[in-house]
Every structure is written in C-alpha cells, then in structure tokens.
C-alpha cells in the first residue's frame, strides 16, 4: 500500500523552513527517511551550473550523500528547493526536472516527494508517482509527525 501523504518529522520541517537560505533563492537539497517518514535532509552544495532563477542540483555531491544514507538504511525520498513567496506551484522547469529524476531512478521507486520550501513560512508538498511507465505530478497533503 502506497502512503499518499508526505509525512515529515516536526524537527525536519522546522529546520527546513528555518535554515533554508532566503538568499540565494532556488536552493535546495534532498530528503530521506525510513518507513515513509521524512527524518533526514541534506542541503545541496552549489555547483558551477547553479542559477538563481532555477534550482539545478549538484548531482555528484547529492548522489554521494544518497549512497551514505543507503549504507545506514536511510531511503531517498526526494528533492526539495526554495521558492519565492507567492509562487506555490511548480514551474515548468521544475516539472521537467522532476520527470528527468523519475526517469533516472530505479523503477522500483514508484514515488518521490518534491516539496517547495518557503523559508521562514512553510512547505508546499508535491509528489511524483510512477504507474507502469507513466509519471504524474500532483500537489500532496503534508502531515507533520510529532
């Protein structure tokens, strides 16, 4: 059974909105955890191809973190990035990048989360789901685990 809501520990939720940089905008990282609960995150290191108008993950760095997580039984659950206030929908480049990520991960992974972080204000969750060869992206429900 697939959990349909993005469940995140209170501490991680608070730290993401508190420590996600407001400048530069469009920065991000990865989220992970166990048992369908997000309990880990790692901010990305800016790469040479980073732009302030869109988030382009430093895949070499983040893939290394994902490998370390796997060694410690932490599952990769998705990618987050910050947005400007008022922009609580995914941009077309966001959607294109999500589709590329879903194509790149193993087919065993049928869903990943792509929350938008609004520093000091909150999180808007999105989820990408793969059914057979079709990927859909939808706004999700956020549950904060205490």
Foldseek 3Di string as FASTA:
>chain_A
DDDFFQEEAPVVFVCLQAPADVPLFAWKWWFWAPPRYTDDTDTADDDPPQDSVHHDGPVVVRVVVCVVCVVVVIHTAAMEGEDEPPPQDADPVRVVVVVVVCVPDDPVDFKHKYWYHHHPPGIWIKMWGDDPHDIDIDTHHYHHDD
